[in-house]
Amino acid sequence: MTDTAGTQDEPIGGGSTTEDDPFIERYREATKEPDYVDNLSNALRVYQREEQFNVGDLVTWKPGMRTKQLPIYDAPAIVIEYITSPIEPSAFFPEQEREDLRVGLLDGQDTFHVFSFPSSRFQVWKPHNARD
């Protein structure tokens, strides 16, 4: 699976509904691939694989599950907490996932940032996860 996180100029789904939306075009092309159904089924298995995290655990995106620019693939973020009242999808953003995990990371100026994500998209980070 490839990294599908959009850039600042390129939202992922829902941001633009025009036929020339780069996300829509990539999706259209992906559905034509002979292994699309197998890849789709595999993505579901990865997404549904449950992992439990503790405060202080280092985590990273599961392969193919990155939907936001940060944290970058294979870089560790630290678990801050499980959100007891997770952010649920709303009528305004029905495609939004249930965000139940809060993680932190340091930027290039050593400023600590905290973000909320669906825990189903993360796995425990280990140094061997890192790409060269």
Protein backbone atom coordinates (compact mmCIF):
# COMPACT_ATOMS: atom_id res chain seq x y z
CA MET A 1 0.00 0.00 0.00
CA THR A 2 1.17 3.49 -0.69
CA ASP A 3 1.20 6.58 1.47
CA THR A 4 -2.04 8.34 0.61
CA ALA A 5 -1.80 11.37 2.87
CA GLY A 6 -2.59 14.57 1.00
CA THR A 7 -0.52 17.69 0.87
CA GLN A 8 -1.71 21.08 1.99
CA ASP A 9 -2.92 21.71 -1.56
CA GLU A 10 -4.48 18.30 -1.95
CA PRO A 11 -7.14 17.19 0.54
CA ILE A 12 -8.00 13.53 0.77
CA GLY A 13 -11.54 12.82 -0.34
CA GLY A 14 -14.34 15.15 0.57
CA GLY A 15 -12.22 18.27 0.05
CA SER A 16 -13.09 18.66 -3.59
CA THR A 17 -15.74 16.90 -5.58
CA THR A 18 -14.61 17.87 -9.06
CA GLU A 19 -13.70 15.21 -11.58
CA ASP A 20 -10.14 16.55 -11.78
CA ASP A 21 -9.52 16.09 -8.04
CA PRO A 22 -6.13 14.28 -7.76
CA PHE A 23 -7.47 12.01 -4.99
CA ILE A 24 -10.44 10.95 -7.13
CA GLU A 25 -8.16 10.31 -10.09
CA ARG A 26 -5.75 8.15 -8.01
CA TYR A 27 -8.73 6.25 -6.62
CA ARG A 28 -10.19 5.71 -10.09
CA GLU A 29 -6.85 4.35 -11.35
CA ALA A 30 -6.38 2.12 -8.28
CA THR A 31 -9.76 0.46 -8.81
CA LYS A 32 -8.62 -0.65 -12.27
CA GLU A 33 -5.65 -2.60 -10.88
CA PRO A 34 -6.12 -6.40 -10.96
CA ASP A 35 -5.16 -6.75 -7.29
CA TYR A 36 -7.42 -3.92 -6.07
CA VAL A 37 -9.91 -6.23 -4.32
CA ASP A 38 -7.12 -8.16 -2.57
CA ASN A 39 -5.46 -4.90 -1.49
CA LEU A 40 -8.78 -3.57 -0.23
CA SER A 41 -9.41 -6.73 1.81
CA ASN A 42 -5.87 -6.57 3.22
CA ALA A 43 -6.36 -2.91 4.19
CA LEU A 44 -9.48 -3.89 6.14
CA ARG A 45 -7.56 -6.61 8.01
CA VAL A 46 -4.79 -4.16 8.92
CA TYR A 47 -7.32 -1.52 10.01
CA GLN A 48 -9.25 -4.00 12.17
CA ARG A 49 -6.14 -5.49 13.83
CA GLU A 50 -6.48 -4.21 17.38
CA GLU A 51 -3.49 -3.07 19.36
CA GLN A 52 -3.55 -1.82 22.93
CA PHE A 53 -1.35 1.10 23.87
CA ASN A 54 -0.29 2.52 27.20
CA VAL A 55 0.58 6.09 28.06
CA GLY A 56 4.21 6.56 27.08
CA ASP A 57 4.22 3.91 24.34
CA LEU A 58 5.84 4.91 21.09
CA VAL A 59 3.54 4.42 18.11
CA THR A 60 3.61 4.90 14.35
CA TRP A 61 1.18 4.54 11.46
CA LYS A 62 0.26 1.03 10.36
CA PRO A 63 1.30 0.42 6.72
CA GLY A 64 -1.13 2.10 4.34
CA MET A 65 -3.08 3.76 7.15
CA ARG A 66 -1.62 7.28 7.14
CA THR A 67 -4.32 9.86 6.46
CA LYS A 68 -2.67 12.99 7.84
CA GLN A 69 0.68 14.66 7.24
CA LEU A 70 1.90 14.17 10.81
CA PRO A 71 3.40 12.13 12.21
CA ILE A 72 5.43 11.08 9.21
CA TYR A 73 5.61 7.40 8.32
CA ASP A 74 7.90 5.32 10.52
CA ALA A 75 8.63 8.17 12.93
CA PRO A 76 7.60 7.59 16.54
CA ALA A 77 4.95 9.58 18.35
CA ILE A 78 4.20 9.09 22.03
CA VAL A 79 0.84 8.03 23.44
CA ILE A 80 -0.62 10.73 25.69
CA GLU A 81 -3.96 9.09 26.44
CA TYR A 82 -6.94 7.18 25.20
CA ILE A 83 -9.78 9.65 24.87
CA THR A 84 -12.65 8.49 27.08
CA SER A 85 -15.19 10.54 25.12
CA PRO A 86 -13.79 10.16 21.62
CA ILE A 87 -14.46 12.63 18.88
CA GLU A 88 -17.27 11.03 16.89
CA PRO A 89 -18.20 11.64 13.26
CA SER A 90 -20.75 14.41 12.89
CA ALA A 91 -23.41 15.44 10.41
CA PHE A 92 -20.97 18.08 9.14
CA PHE A 93 -18.09 15.59 8.68
CA PRO A 94 -19.68 12.14 8.26
CA GLU A 95 -16.49 10.67 6.76
CA GLN A 96 -14.56 11.52 9.92
CA GLU A 97 -13.39 8.53 11.94
CA ARG A 98 -13.77 8.05 15.67
CA GLU A 99 -10.64 9.63 17.16
CA ASP A 100 -9.86 7.85 20.40
CA LEU A 101 -6.08 8.19 20.74
CA ARG A 102 -4.11 11.30 21.60
CA VAL A 103 -0.41 11.28 20.66
CA GLY A 104 2.38 13.82 20.89
CA LEU A 105 5.44 14.62 18.82
CA LEU A 106 8.23 17.17 18.75
CA ASP A 107 8.68 19.49 15.80
CA GLY A 108 12.03 20.81 14.54
CA GLN A 109 12.04 23.46 17.27
CA ASP A 110 11.42 20.98 20.11
CA THR A 111 7.85 22.20 20.52
CA PHE A 112 5.57 19.42 21.75
CA HIS A 113 2.38 19.04 19.67
CA VAL A 114 -0.59 16.84 20.57
CA PHE A 115 -3.00 15.37 18.00
CA SER A 116 -6.02 13.04 18.09
CA PHE A 117 -6.31 10.03 15.79
CA PRO A 118 -8.23 6.78 15.35
CA SER A 119 -6.20 4.19 17.29
CA SER A 120 -7.03 1.61 14.60
CA ARG A 121 -4.53 3.33 12.29
CA PHE A 122 -1.54 2.96 14.64
CA GLN A 123 0.83 0.24 15.77
CA VAL A 124 3.61 0.07 18.35
CA TRP A 125 6.77 1.71 17.00
CA LYS A 126 9.95 -0.30 17.07
CA PRO A 127 13.31 0.83 15.73
CA HIS A 128 13.09 -1.86 13.02
CA ASN A 129 9.91 -0.14 11.73
CA ALA A 130 12.07 2.73 10.56
CA ARG A 131 12.95 2.97 6.88
CA ASP A 132 16.53 3.70 5.87
